[in-house]
Amino acid sequence: MGRILQIRVSATTFDEKAVEKAWPVLNKLVWEKGEFMNPSRGVMELAHAAFTAVDAGLLPSQQAGALEKDARRAEEIRRSLEQALGDWDAKTADRLAYELEDVLDELEQTAKGL
C-alpha cells in the first residue's frame, strides 16, 4: 500500500449483458427511467439501484413495497461484500457474491409478479 493510494481487491461484472439476461424484469424496472447515471450496470450496481429505487421512492408504492425487504437485503449484502473486499477476505467475498446473486434472483421473481 502506498502512502496515499490504497490497494483493494475488487469485484466487477465481466459481461453486463449477462446481468440483463439473468434479471431482465428487475433490470428494466430499476434502470428504465434513467434516474441512475451510473455508466456501469453490473451485479453490484443493480443491487444498489434496486435499493435506491425503493428507498428514494422512485418506484410506485405497490412495487416498492413488494421489493423492499429483498432490496434492503441486497444492499446489506453488497455493502458487506465491499467490506470483505476491502479487508482482502476473498473467502467471505466469494460467499457473499453467491448470496447477492440469490437475492437478486428473489427480486427478479417478485418483479415478475408486479
PDB file of N, CA and C in Angstrom:
ATOM      1  N   MET A   1       0.833  -1.167   0.000  1.00  0.00           N
ATOM      2  CA  MET A   1       0.000   0.000   0.000  1.00  0.00           C
ATOM      3  C   MET A   1       0.884   1.240   0.000  1.00  0.00           C
ATOM      4  N   GLY A   2       0.390   2.211  -0.716  1.00  0.00           N
ATOM      5  CA  GLY A   2       1.117   3.464  -0.784  1.00  0.00           C
ATOM      6  C   GLY A   2       0.805   4.361   0.392  1.00  0.00           C
ATOM      7  N   ARG A   3       1.457   5.458   0.420  1.00  0.00           N
ATOM      8  CA  ARG A   3       1.217   6.449   1.469  1.00  0.00           C
ATOM      9  C   ARG A   3      -0.192   7.013   1.340  1.00  0.00           C
ATOM     10  N   ILE A   4      -0.668   7.201   0.108  1.00  0.00           N
ATOM     11  CA  ILE A   4      -2.000   7.745  -0.150  1.00  0.00           C
ATOM     12  C   ILE A   4      -2.876   6.738  -0.897  1.00  0.00           C
ATOM     13  N   LEU A   5      -2.285   6.024  -1.821  1.00  0.00           N
ATOM     14  CA  LEU A   5      -3.026   5.078  -2.656  1.00  0.00           C
ATOM     15  C   LEU A   5      -3.289   3.784  -1.900  1.00  0.00           C
ATOM     16  N   GLN A   6      -4.539   3.413  -1.822  1.00  0.00           N
ATOM     17  CA  GLN A   6      -4.926   2.190  -1.138  1.00  0.00           C
ATOM     18  C   GLN A   6      -5.133   1.082  -2.166  1.00  0.00           C
ATOM     19  N   ILE A   7      -4.631  -0.085  -1.881  1.00  0.00           N
ATOM     20  CA  ILE A   7      -4.795  -1.249  -2.754  1.00  0.00           C
ATOM     21  C   ILE A   7      -5.940  -2.082  -2.193  1.00  0.00           C
ATOM     22  N   ARG A   8      -6.908  -2.407  -3.056  1.00  0.00           N
ATOM     23  CA  ARG A   8      -8.065  -3.188  -2.638  1.00  0.00           C
ATOM     24  C   ARG A   8      -8.329  -4.288  -3.650  1.00  0.00           C
ATOM     25  N   VAL A   9      -8.929  -5.340  -3.173  1.00  0.00           N
ATOM     26  CA  VAL A   9      -9.446  -6.384  -4.043  1.00  0.00           C
ATOM     27  C   VAL A   9     -10.786  -5.866  -4.540  1.00  0.00           C
ATOM     28  N   SER A  10     -11.165  -6.168  -5.775  1.00  0.00           N
ATOM     29  CA  SER A  10     -12.425  -5.648  -6.287  1.00  0.00           C
ATOM     30  C   SER A  10     -13.260  -6.744  -6.937  1.00  0.00           C
ATOM     31  N   ALA A  11     -14.523  -6.445  -7.108  1.00  0.00           N
ATOM     32  CA  ALA A  11     -15.449  -7.337  -7.793  1.00  0.00           C
ATOM     33  C   ALA A  11     -16.058  -6.555  -8.948  1.00  0.00           C
ATOM     34  N   THR A  12     -16.000  -7.111 -10.133  1.00  0.00           N
ATOM     35  CA  THR A  12     -16.589  -6.461 -11.298  1.00  0.00           C
ATOM     36  C   THR A  12     -17.413  -7.471 -12.084  1.00  0.00           C
ATOM     37  N   THR A  13     -18.340  -6.954 -12.829  1.00  0.00           N
ATOM     38  CA  THR A  13     -19.152  -7.791 -13.711  1.00  0.00           C
ATOM     39  C   THR A  13     -18.482  -7.788 -15.075  1.00  0.00           C
ATOM     40  N   PHE A  14     -18.048  -8.952 -15.509  1.00  0.00           N
ATOM     41  CA  PHE A  14     -17.341  -9.071 -16.774  1.00  0.00           C
ATOM     42  C   PHE A  14     -18.240  -8.742 -17.955  1.00  0.00           C
ATOM     43  N   ASP A  15     -19.480  -9.223 -17.927  1.00  0.00           N
ATOM     44  CA  ASP A  15     -20.401  -9.057 -19.057  1.00  0.00           C
ATOM     45  C   ASP A  15     -21.733  -8.507 -18.543  1.00  0.00           C
ATOM     46  N   GLU A  16     -21.944  -7.224 -18.734  1.00  0.00           N
ATOM     47  CA  GLU A  16     -23.182  -6.606 -18.251  1.00  0.00           C
ATOM     48  C   GLU A  16     -24.414  -7.142 -18.972  1.00  0.00           C
ATOM     49  N   LYS A  17     -24.251  -7.660 -20.159  1.00  0.00           N
ATOM     50  CA  LYS A  17     -25.386  -8.279 -20.865  1.00  0.00           C
ATOM     51  C   LYS A  17     -25.876  -9.502 -20.108  1.00  0.00           C
ATOM     52  N   ALA A  18     -24.977 -10.173 -19.388  1.00  0.00           N
ATOM     53  CA  ALA A  18     -25.372 -11.326 -18.577  1.00  0.00           C
ATOM     54  C   ALA A  18     -26.293 -10.894 -17.444  1.00  0.00           C
ATOM     55  N   VAL A  19     -26.106  -9.680 -16.926  1.00  0.00           N
ATOM     56  CA  VAL A  19     -26.975  -9.139 -15.883  1.00  0.00           C
ATOM     57  C   VAL A  19     -28.374  -8.928 -16.463  1.00  0.00           C
ATOM     58  N   GLU A  20     -28.441  -8.332 -17.649  1.00  0.00           N
ATOM     59  CA  GLU A  20     -29.737  -8.127 -18.309  1.00  0.00           C
ATOM     60  C   GLU A  20     -30.440  -9.448 -18.562  1.00  0.00           C
ATOM     61  N   LYS A  21     -29.670 -10.460 -18.938  1.00  0.00           N
ATOM     62  CA  LYS A  21     -30.239 -11.767 -19.244  1.00  0.00           C
ATOM     63  C   LYS A  21     -30.703 -12.496 -17.976  1.00  0.00           C
ATOM     64  N   ALA A  22     -29.921 -12.386 -16.902  1.00  0.00           N
ATOM     65  CA  ALA A  22     -30.244 -13.094 -15.658  1.00  0.00           C
ATOM     66  C   ALA A  22     -31.429 -12.480 -14.930  1.00  0.00           C
ATOM     67  N   TRP A  23     -31.527 -11.145 -14.950  1.00  0.00           N
ATOM     68  CA  TRP A  23     -32.573 -10.441 -14.204  1.00  0.00           C
ATOM     69  C   TRP A  23     -33.241  -9.393 -15.097  1.00  0.00           C
ATOM     70  N   PRO A  24     -33.895  -9.807 -16.180  1.00  0.00           N
ATOM     71  CA  PRO A  24     -34.415  -8.842 -17.156  1.00  0.00           C
ATOM     72  C   PRO A  24     -35.513  -7.922 -16.619  1.00  0.00           C
ATOM     73  N   VAL A  25     -36.422  -8.432 -15.828  1.00  0.00           N
ATOM     74  CA  VAL A  25     -37.526  -7.618 -15.338  1.00  0.00           C
ATOM     75  C   VAL A  25     -37.014  -6.611 -14.301  1.00  0.00           C
ATOM     76  N   LEU A  26     -36.223  -7.082 -13.354  1.00  0.00           N
ATOM     77  CA  LEU A  26     -35.653  -6.196 -12.348  1.00  0.00           C
ATOM     78  C   LEU A  26     -34.752  -5.156 -13.002  1.00  0.00           C
ATOM     79  N   ASN A  27     -33.945  -5.584 -13.937  1.00  0.00           N
ATOM     80  CA  ASN A  27     -33.040  -4.687 -14.652  1.00  0.00           C
ATOM     81  C   ASN A  27     -33.824  -3.549 -15.317  1.00  0.00           C
ATOM     82  N   LYS A  28     -34.888  -3.894 -16.011  1.00  0.00           N
ATOM     83  CA  LYS A  28     -35.705  -2.886 -16.692  1.00  0.00           C
ATOM     84  C   LYS A  28     -36.408  -1.980 -15.687  1.00  0.00           C
ATOM     85  N   LEU A  29     -36.912  -2.572 -14.614  1.00  0.00           N
ATOM     86  CA  LEU A  29     -37.650  -1.818 -13.609  1.00  0.00           C
ATOM     87  C   LEU A  29     -36.803  -0.725 -12.971  1.00  0.00           C
ATOM     88  N   VAL A  30     -35.557  -1.036 -12.628  1.00  0.00           N
ATOM     89  CA  VAL A  30     -34.751  -0.043 -11.910  1.00  0.00           C
ATOM     90  C   VAL A  30     -33.945   0.875 -12.814  1.00  0.00           C
ATOM     91  N   TRP A  31     -33.701   0.486 -14.064  1.00  0.00           N
ATOM     92  CA  TRP A  31     -32.880   1.325 -14.933  1.00  0.00           C
ATOM     93  C   TRP A  31     -33.678   2.119 -15.957  1.00  0.00           C
ATOM     94  N   GLU A  32     -34.882   1.704 -16.301  1.00  0.00           N
ATOM     95  CA  GLU A  32     -35.567   2.276 -17.467  1.00  0.00           C
ATOM     96  C   GLU A  32     -35.894   3.762 -17.354  1.00  0.00           C
ATOM     97  N   LYS A  33     -36.114   4.270 -16.162  1.00  0.00           N
ATOM     98  CA  LYS A  33     -36.485   5.670 -16.038  1.00  0.00           C
ATOM     99  C   LYS A  33     -35.289   6.609 -16.142  1.00  0.00           C
ATOM    100  N   GLY A  34     -34.080   6.085 -16.063  1.00  0.00           N
ATOM    101  CA  GLY A  34     -32.891   6.898 -16.244  1.00  0.00           C
ATOM    102  C   GLY A  34     -32.512   7.759 -15.058  1.00  0.00           C
ATOM    103  N   GLU A  35     -33.060   7.458 -13.867  1.00  0.00           N
ATOM    104  CA  GLU A  35     -32.686   8.238 -12.692  1.00  0.00           C
ATOM    105  C   GLU A  35     -31.240   7.980 -12.277  1.00  0.00           C
ATOM    106  N   PHE A  36     -30.705   6.869 -12.703  1.00  0.00           N
ATOM    107  CA  PHE A  36     -29.364   6.483 -12.313  1.00  0.00           C
ATOM    108  C   PHE A  36     -28.403   6.786 -13.450  1.00  0.00           C
ATOM    109  N   MET A  37     -27.421   7.579 -13.171  1.00  0.00           N
ATOM    110  CA  MET A  37     -26.474   7.990 -14.207  1.00  0.00           C
ATOM    111  C   MET A  37     -25.208   7.150 -14.210  1.00  0.00           C
ATOM    112  N   ASN A  38     -25.195   6.069 -13.474  1.00  0.00           N
ATOM    113  CA  ASN A  38     -24.028   5.206 -13.414  1.00  0.00           C
ATOM    114  C   ASN A  38     -23.829   4.513 -14.754  1.00  0.00           C
ATOM    115  N   PRO A  39     -22.681   4.702 -15.397  1.00  0.00           N
ATOM    116  CA  PRO A  39     -22.464   4.062 -16.693  1.00  0.00           C
ATOM    117  C   PRO A  39     -22.266   2.555 -16.587  1.00  0.00           C
ATOM    118  N   SER A  40     -21.920   2.081 -15.413  1.00  0.00           N
ATOM    119  CA  SER A  40     -21.715   0.653 -15.202  1.00  0.00           C
ATOM    120  C   SER A  40     -23.008   0.042 -14.674  1.00  0.00           C
ATOM    121  N   ARG A  41     -23.417  -1.076 -15.271  1.00  0.00           N
ATOM    122  CA  ARG A  41     -24.669  -1.714 -14.870  1.00  0.00           C
ATOM    123  C   ARG A  41     -24.450  -3.192 -14.602  1.00  0.00           C
ATOM    124  N   GLY A  42     -23.549  -3.456 -13.672  1.00  0.00           N
ATOM    125  CA  GLY A  42     -23.233  -4.822 -13.295  1.00  0.00           C
ATOM    126  C   GLY A  42     -24.067  -5.303 -12.128  1.00  0.00           C
ATOM    127  N   VAL A  43     -23.641  -6.398 -11.536  1.00  0.00           N
ATOM    128  CA  VAL A  43     -24.363  -7.013 -10.426  1.00  0.00           C
ATOM    129  C   VAL A  43     -24.414  -6.086  -9.213  1.00  0.00           C
ATOM    130  N   MET A  44     -23.265  -5.558  -8.830  1.00  0.00           N
ATOM    131  CA  MET A  44     -23.218  -4.680  -7.655  1.00  0.00           C
ATOM    132  C   MET A  44     -24.070  -3.429  -7.879  1.00  0.00           C
ATOM    133  N   GLU A  45     -24.008  -2.885  -9.071  1.00  0.00           N
ATOM    134  CA  GLU A  45     -24.768  -1.673  -9.397  1.00  0.00           C
ATOM    135  C   GLU A  45     -26.272  -1.944  -9.426  1.00  0.00           C
ATOM    136  N   LEU A  46     -26.662  -3.126  -9.919  1.00  0.00           N
ATOM    137  CA  LEU A  46     -28.088  -3.478  -9.943  1.00  0.00           C
ATOM    138  C   LEU A  46     -28.627  -3.595  -8.522  1.00  0.00           C
ATOM    139  N   ALA A  47     -27.869  -4.227  -7.652  1.00  0.00           N
ATOM    140  CA  ALA A  47     -28.306  -4.356  -6.259  1.00  0.00           C
ATOM    141  C   ALA A  47     -28.474  -2.984  -5.626  1.00  0.00           C
ATOM    142  N   HIS A  48     -27.515  -2.108  -5.843  1.00  0.00           N
ATOM    143  CA  HIS A  48     -27.590  -0.767  -5.264  1.00  0.00           C
ATOM    144  C   HIS A  48     -28.733   0.039  -5.889  1.00  0.00           C
ATOM    145  N   ALA A  49     -28.925  -0.083  -7.179  1.00  0.00           N
ATOM    146  CA  ALA A  49     -30.003   0.640  -7.859  1.00  0.00           C
ATOM    147  C   ALA A  49     -31.373   0.163  -7.387  1.00  0.00           C
ATOM    148  N   ALA A  50     -31.530  -1.138  -7.149  1.00  0.00           N
ATOM    149  CA  ALA A  50     -32.807  -1.657  -6.654  1.00  0.00           C
ATOM    150  C   ALA A  50     -33.112  -1.073  -5.274  1.00  0.00           C
ATOM    151  N   PHE A  51     -32.106  -1.052  -4.411  1.00  0.00           N
ATOM    152  CA  PHE A  51     -32.291  -0.465  -3.085  1.00  0.00           C
ATOM    153  C   PHE A  51     -32.621   1.021  -3.190  1.00  0.00           C
ATOM    154  N   THR A  52     -31.877   1.746  -4.007  1.00  0.00           N
ATOM    155  CA  THR A  52     -32.096   3.181  -4.152  1.00  0.00           C
ATOM    156  C   THR A  52     -33.491   3.472  -4.702  1.00  0.00           C
ATOM    157  N   ALA A  53     -33.926   2.686  -5.683  1.00  0.00           N
ATOM    158  CA  ALA A  53     -35.252   2.890  -6.272  1.00  0.00           C
ATOM    159  C   ALA A  53     -36.344   2.722  -5.222  1.00  0.00           C
ATOM    160  N   VAL A  54     -36.164   1.754  -4.343  1.00  0.00           N
ATOM    161  CA  VAL A  54     -37.141   1.516  -3.271  1.00  0.00           C
ATOM    162  C   VAL A  54     -37.021   2.589  -2.193  1.00  0.00           C
ATOM    163  N   ASP A  55     -35.811   2.825  -1.738  1.00  0.00           N
ATOM    164  CA  ASP A  55     -35.578   3.725  -0.608  1.00  0.00           C
ATOM    165  C   ASP A  55     -35.871   5.188  -0.933  1.00  0.00           C
ATOM    166  N   ALA A  56     -35.609   5.595  -2.163  1.00  0.00           N
ATOM    167  CA  ALA A  56     -35.794   7.001  -2.551  1.00  0.00           C
ATOM    168  C   ALA A  56     -37.187   7.287  -3.110  1.00  0.00           C
ATOM    169  N   GLY A  57     -38.037   6.276  -3.140  1.00  0.00           N
ATOM    170  CA  GLY A  57     -39.393   6.496  -3.629  1.00  0.00           C
ATOM    171  C   GLY A  57     -39.483   6.682  -5.131  1.00  0.00           C
ATOM    172  N   LEU A  58     -38.559   6.078  -5.874  1.00  0.00           N
ATOM    173  CA  LEU A  58     -38.558   6.218  -7.331  1.00  0.00           C
ATOM    174  C   LEU A  58     -39.516   5.245  -8.017  1.00  0.00           C
ATOM    175  N   LEU A  59     -40.035   4.294  -7.261  1.00  0.00           N
ATOM    176  CA  LEU A  59     -40.987   3.327  -7.804  1.00  0.00           C
ATOM    177  C   LEU A  59     -42.365   3.582  -7.200  1.00  0.00           C
ATOM    178  N   PRO A  60     -43.421   3.209  -7.914  1.00  0.00           N
ATOM    179  CA  PRO A  60     -44.757   3.300  -7.320  1.00  0.00           C
ATOM    180  C   PRO A  60     -44.798   2.513  -6.005  1.00  0.00           C
ATOM    181  N   SER A  61     -45.610   2.950  -5.064  1.00  0.00           N
ATOM    182  CA  SER A  61     -45.606   2.370  -3.722  1.00  0.00           C
ATOM    183  C   SER A  61     -45.870   0.866  -3.708  1.00  0.00           C
ATOM    184  N   GLN A  62     -46.726   0.371  -4.585  1.00  0.00           N
ATOM    185  CA  GLN A  62     -47.002  -1.071  -4.625  1.00  0.00           C
ATOM    186  C   GLN A  62     -45.745  -1.842  -5.003  1.00  0.00           C
ATOM    187  N   GLN A  63     -45.017  -1.368  -6.010  1.00  0.00           N
ATOM    188  CA  GLN A  63     -43.789  -2.031  -6.422  1.00  0.00           C
ATOM    189  C   GLN A  63     -42.724  -1.933  -5.336  1.00  0.00           C
ATOM    190  N   ALA A  64     -42.573  -0.746  -4.780  1.00  0.00           N
ATOM    191  CA  ALA A  64     -41.570  -0.538  -3.736  1.00  0.00           C
ATOM    192  C   ALA A  64     -41.852  -1.433  -2.533  1.00  0.00           C
ATOM    193  N   GLY A  65     -43.103  -1.514  -2.144  1.00  0.00           N
ATOM    194  CA  GLY A  65     -43.463  -2.354  -1.004  1.00  0.00           C
ATOM    195  C   GLY A  65     -43.148  -3.821  -1.228  1.00  0.00           C
ATOM    196  N   ALA A  66     -43.418  -4.286  -2.432  1.00  0.00           N
ATOM    197  CA  ALA A  66     -43.158  -5.692  -2.751  1.00  0.00           C
ATOM    198  C   ALA A  66     -41.666  -6.006  -2.786  1.00  0.00           C
ATOM    199  N   LEU A  67     -40.869  -5.050  -3.205  1.00  0.00           N
ATOM    200  CA  LEU A  67     -39.430  -5.271  -3.366  1.00  0.00           C
ATOM    201  C   LEU A  67     -38.600  -4.874  -2.149  1.00  0.00           C
ATOM    202  N   GLU A  68     -39.190  -4.145  -1.231  1.00  0.00           N
ATOM    203  CA  GLU A  68     -38.420  -3.504  -0.158  1.00  0.00           C
ATOM    204  C   GLU A  68     -37.548  -4.461   0.653  1.00  0.00           C
ATOM    205  N   LYS A  69     -38.100  -5.530   1.164  1.00  0.00           N
ATOM    206  CA  LYS A  69     -37.340  -6.432   2.042  1.00  0.00           C
ATOM    207  C   LYS A  69     -36.104  -6.974   1.335  1.00  0.00           C
ATOM    208  N   ASP A  70     -36.283  -7.518   0.153  1.00  0.00           N
ATOM    209  CA  ASP A  70     -35.148  -8.095  -0.558  1.00  0.00           C
ATOM    210  C   ASP A  70     -34.198  -7.036  -1.097  1.00  0.00           C
ATOM    211  N   ALA A  71     -34.710  -5.866  -1.447  1.00  0.00           N
ATOM    212  CA  ALA A  71     -33.830  -4.783  -1.905  1.00  0.00           C
ATOM    213  C   ALA A  71     -32.918  -4.330  -0.771  1.00  0.00           C
ATOM    214  N   ARG A  72     -33.471  -4.237   0.416  1.00  0.00           N
ATOM    215  CA  ARG A  72     -32.652  -3.866   1.584  1.00  0.00           C
ATOM    216  C   ARG A  72     -31.631  -4.956   1.884  1.00  0.00           C
ATOM    217  N   ARG A  73     -32.040  -6.190   1.764  1.00  0.00           N
ATOM    218  CA  ARG A  73     -31.121  -7.321   1.993  1.00  0.00           C
ATOM    219  C   ARG A  73     -30.003  -7.299   0.949  1.00  0.00           C
ATOM    220  N   ALA A  74     -30.338  -7.034  -0.303  1.00  0.00           N
ATOM    221  CA  ALA A  74     -29.319  -6.970  -1.364  1.00  0.00           C
ATOM    222  C   ALA A  74     -28.304  -5.873  -1.065  1.00  0.00           C
ATOM    223  N   GLU A  75     -28.786  -4.726  -0.608  1.00  0.00           N
ATOM    224  CA  GLU A  75     -27.877  -3.623  -0.284  1.00  0.00           C
ATOM    225  C   GLU A  75     -26.986  -3.981   0.902  1.00  0.00           C
ATOM    226  N   GLU A  76     -27.550  -4.640   1.882  1.00  0.00           N
ATOM    227  CA  GLU A  76     -26.765  -5.071   3.043  1.00  0.00           C
ATOM    228  C   GLU A  76     -25.653  -6.040   2.603  1.00  0.00           C
ATOM    229  N   ILE A  77     -26.003  -6.980   1.760  1.00  0.00           N
ATOM    230  CA  ILE A  77     -25.011  -7.935   1.269  1.00  0.00           C
ATOM    231  C   ILE A  77     -23.967  -7.224   0.422  1.00  0.00           C
ATOM    232  N   ARG A  78     -24.403  -6.304  -0.433  1.00  0.00           N
ATOM    233  CA  ARG A  78     -23.464  -5.563  -1.289  1.00  0.00           C
ATOM    234  C   ARG A  78     -22.451  -4.805  -0.438  1.00  0.00           C
ATOM    235  N   ARG A  79     -22.927  -4.149   0.593  1.00  0.00           N
ATOM    236  CA  ARG A  79     -22.016  -3.410   1.475  1.00  0.00           C
ATOM    237  C   ARG A  79     -21.059  -4.352   2.198  1.00  0.00           C
ATOM    238  N   SER A  80     -21.573  -5.481   2.661  1.00  0.00           N
ATOM    239  CA  SER A  80     -20.711  -6.471   3.325  1.00  0.00           C
ATOM    240  C   SER A  80     -19.676  -7.025   2.360  1.00  0.00           C
ATOM    241  N   LEU A  81     -20.082  -7.222   1.120  1.00  0.00           N
ATOM    242  CA  LEU A  81     -19.157  -7.703   0.093  1.00  0.00           C
ATOM    243  C   LEU A  81     -18.053  -6.684  -0.152  1.00  0.00           C
ATOM    244  N   GLU A  82     -18.409  -5.426  -0.253  1.00  0.00           N
ATOM    245  CA  GLU A  82     -17.400  -4.383  -0.428  1.00  0.00           C
ATOM    246  C   GLU A  82     -16.447  -4.345   0.768  1.00  0.00           C
ATOM    247  N   GLN A  83     -16.984  -4.520   1.968  1.00  0.00           N
ATOM    248  CA  GLN A  83     -16.135  -4.535   3.164  1.00  0.00           C
ATOM    249  C   GLN A  83     -15.182  -5.731   3.128  1.00  0.00           C
ATOM    250  N   ALA A  84     -15.698  -6.897   2.754  1.00  0.00           N
ATOM    251  CA  ALA A  84     -14.847  -8.082   2.670  1.00  0.00           C
ATOM    252  C   ALA A  84     -13.743  -7.886   1.639  1.00  0.00           C
ATOM    253  N   LEU A  85     -14.080  -7.263   0.518  1.00  0.00           N
ATOM    254  CA  LEU A  85     -13.062  -6.985  -0.496  1.00  0.00           C
ATOM    255  C   LEU A  85     -12.014  -6.020   0.047  1.00  0.00           C
ATOM    256  N   GLY A  86     -12.454  -5.005   0.744  1.00  0.00           N
ATOM    257  CA  GLY A  86     -11.536  -4.043   1.334  1.00  0.00           C
ATOM    258  C   GLY A  86     -10.628  -4.662   2.378  1.00  0.00           C
ATOM    259  N   ASP A  87     -11.130  -5.709   3.037  1.00  0.00           N
ATOM    260  CA  ASP A  87     -10.348  -6.425   4.042  1.00  0.00           C
ATOM    261  C   ASP A  87      -9.521  -7.556   3.450  1.00  0.00           C
ATOM    262  N   TRP A  88      -9.573  -7.709   2.145  1.00  0.00           N
ATOM    263  CA  TRP A  88      -8.867  -8.776   1.413  1.00  0.00           C
ATOM    264  C   TRP A  88      -9.334 -10.161   1.873  1.00  0.00           C
ATOM    265  N   ASP A  89     -10.579 -10.264   2.210  1.00  0.00           N
ATOM    266  CA  ASP A  89     -11.165 -11.522   2.675  1.00  0.00           C
ATOM    267  C   ASP A  89     -11.907 -12.167   1.506  1.00  0.00           C
ATOM    268  N   ALA A  90     -11.144 -12.821   0.655  1.00  0.00           N
ATOM    269  CA  ALA A  90     -11.700 -13.391  -0.578  1.00  0.00           C
ATOM    270  C   ALA A  90     -12.722 -14.484  -0.300  1.00  0.00           C
ATOM    271  N   LYS A  91     -12.529 -15.263   0.740  1.00  0.00           N
ATOM    272  CA  LYS A  91     -13.460 -16.351   1.052  1.00  0.00           C
ATOM    273  C   LYS A  91     -14.842 -15.792   1.401  1.00  0.00           C
ATOM    274  N   THR A  92     -14.873 -14.784   2.254  1.00  0.00           N
ATOM    275  CA  THR A  92     -16.148 -14.156   2.611  1.00  0.00           C
ATOM    276  C   THR A  92     -16.754 -13.454   1.400  1.00  0.00           C
ATOM    277  N   ALA A  93     -15.932 -12.757   0.631  1.00  0.00           N
ATOM    278  CA  ALA A  93     -16.428 -12.065  -0.563  1.00  0.00           C
ATOM    279  C   ALA A  93     -17.056 -13.056  -1.536  1.00  0.00           C
ATOM    280  N   ASP A  94     -16.440 -14.202  -1.718  1.00  0.00           N
ATOM    281  CA  ASP A  94     -16.978 -15.221  -2.621  1.00  0.00           C
ATOM    282  C   ASP A  94     -18.343 -15.700  -2.133  1.00  0.00           C
ATOM    283  N   ARG A  95     -18.457 -15.980  -0.845  1.00  0.00           N
ATOM    284  CA  ARG A  95     -19.735 -16.430  -0.280  1.00  0.00           C
ATOM    285  C   ARG A  95     -20.814 -15.358  -0.457  1.00  0.00           C
ATOM    286  N   LEU A  96     -20.436 -14.110  -0.199  1.00  0.00           N
ATOM    287  CA  LEU A  96     -21.389 -13.013  -0.319  1.00  0.00           C
ATOM    288  C   LEU A  96     -21.810 -12.769  -1.768  1.00  0.00           C
ATOM    289  N   ALA A  97     -20.920 -13.011  -2.714  1.00  0.00           N
ATOM    290  CA  ALA A  97     -21.269 -12.857  -4.131  1.00  0.00           C
ATOM    291  C   ALA A  97     -22.403 -13.811  -4.498  1.00  0.00           C
ATOM    292  N   TYR A  98     -22.324 -15.041  -4.025  1.00  0.00           N
ATOM    293  CA  TYR A  98     -23.406 -16.001  -4.283  1.00  0.00           C
ATOM    294  C   TYR A  98     -24.696 -15.586  -3.581  1.00  0.00           C
ATOM    295  N   GLU A  99     -24.575 -15.098  -2.348  1.00  0.00           N
ATOM    296  CA  GLU A  99     -25.759 -14.628  -1.618  1.00  0.00           C
ATOM    297  C   GLU A  99     -26.415 -13.461  -2.347  1.00  0.00           C
ATOM    298  N   LEU A 100     -25.599 -12.551  -2.853  1.00  0.00           N
ATOM    299  CA  LEU A 100     -26.144 -11.391  -3.563  1.00  0.00           C
ATOM    300  C   LEU A 100     -26.889 -11.828  -4.819  1.00  0.00           C
ATOM    301  N   GLU A 101     -26.315 -12.743  -5.563  1.00  0.00           N
ATOM    302  CA  GLU A 101     -26.989 -13.234  -6.767  1.00  0.00           C
ATOM    303  C   GLU A 101     -28.292 -13.953  -6.412  1.00  0.00           C
ATOM    304  N   ASP A 102     -28.300 -14.686  -5.298  1.00  0.00           N
ATOM    305  CA  ASP A 102     -29.529 -15.366  -4.862  1.00  0.00           C
ATOM    306  C   ASP A 102     -30.624 -14.355  -4.522  1.00  0.00           C
ATOM    307  N   VAL A 103     -30.258 -13.271  -3.846  1.00  0.00           N
ATOM    308  CA  VAL A 103     -31.252 -12.250  -3.506  1.00  0.00           C
ATOM    309  C   VAL A 103     -31.742 -11.546  -4.763  1.00  0.00           C
ATOM    310  N   LEU A 104     -30.857 -11.318  -5.717  1.00  0.00           N
ATOM    311  CA  LEU A 104     -31.296 -10.729  -6.989  1.00  0.00           C
ATOM    312  C   LEU A 104     -32.249 -11.675  -7.717  1.00  0.00           C
ATOM    313  N   ASP A 105     -32.019 -12.983  -7.606  1.00  0.00           N
ATOM    314  CA  ASP A 105     -32.966 -13.960  -8.172  1.00  0.00           C
ATOM    315  C   ASP A 105     -34.342 -13.800  -7.527  1.00  0.00           C
ATOM    316  N   GLU A 106     -34.358 -13.626  -6.204  1.00  0.00           N
ATOM    317  CA  GLU A 106     -35.632 -13.445  -5.496  1.00  0.00           C
ATOM    318  C   GLU A 106     -36.309 -12.137  -5.902  1.00  0.00           C
ATOM    319  N   LEU A 107     -35.526 -11.077  -6.039  1.00  0.00           N
ATOM    320  CA  LEU A 107     -36.081  -9.793  -6.503  1.00  0.00           C
ATOM    321  C   LEU A 107     -36.660  -9.924  -7.899  1.00  0.00           C
ATOM    322  N   GLU A 108     -35.985 -10.667  -8.749  1.00  0.00           N
ATOM    323  CA  GLU A 108     -36.475 -10.872 -10.115  1.00  0.00           C
ATOM    324  C   GLU A 108     -37.829 -11.574 -10.098  1.00  0.00           C
ATOM    325  N   GLN A 109     -37.967 -12.604  -9.258  1.00  0.00           N
ATOM    326  CA  GLN A 109     -39.242 -13.326  -9.178  1.00  0.00           C
ATOM    327  C   GLN A 109     -40.352 -12.403  -8.667  1.00  0.00           C
ATOM    328  N   THR A 110     -40.034 -11.582  -7.700  1.00  0.00           N
ATOM    329  CA  THR A 110     -41.029 -10.630  -7.185  1.00  0.00           C
ATOM    330  C   THR A 110     -41.391  -9.617  -8.269  1.00  0.00           C
ATOM    331  N   ALA A 111     -40.393  -9.096  -8.957  1.00  0.00           N
ATOM    332  CA  ALA A 111     -40.637  -8.097 -10.004  1.00  0.00           C
ATOM    333  C   ALA A 111     -41.489  -8.675 -11.133  1.00  0.00           C
ATOM    334  N   LYS A 112     -41.327  -9.953 -11.440  1.00  0.00           N
ATOM    335  CA  LYS A 112     -42.132 -10.580 -12.479  1.00  0.00           C
ATOM    336  C   LYS A 112     -43.615 -10.595 -12.112  1.00  0.00           C
ATOM    337  N   GLY A 113     -43.901 -10.645 -10.817  1.00  0.00           N
ATOM    338  CA  GLY A 113     -45.288 -10.697 -10.352  1.00  0.00           C
ATOM    339  C   GLY A 113     -45.960  -9.329 -10.240  1.00  0.00           C
ATOM    340  N   LEU A 114     -45.207  -8.277 -10.498  1.00  0.00           N
ATOM    341  CA  LEU A 114     -45.774  -6.928 -10.367  1.00  0.00           C
ATOM    342  C   LEU A 114     -46.525  -6.487 -11.611  1.00  0.00           C
TER     343      LEU A 114
END
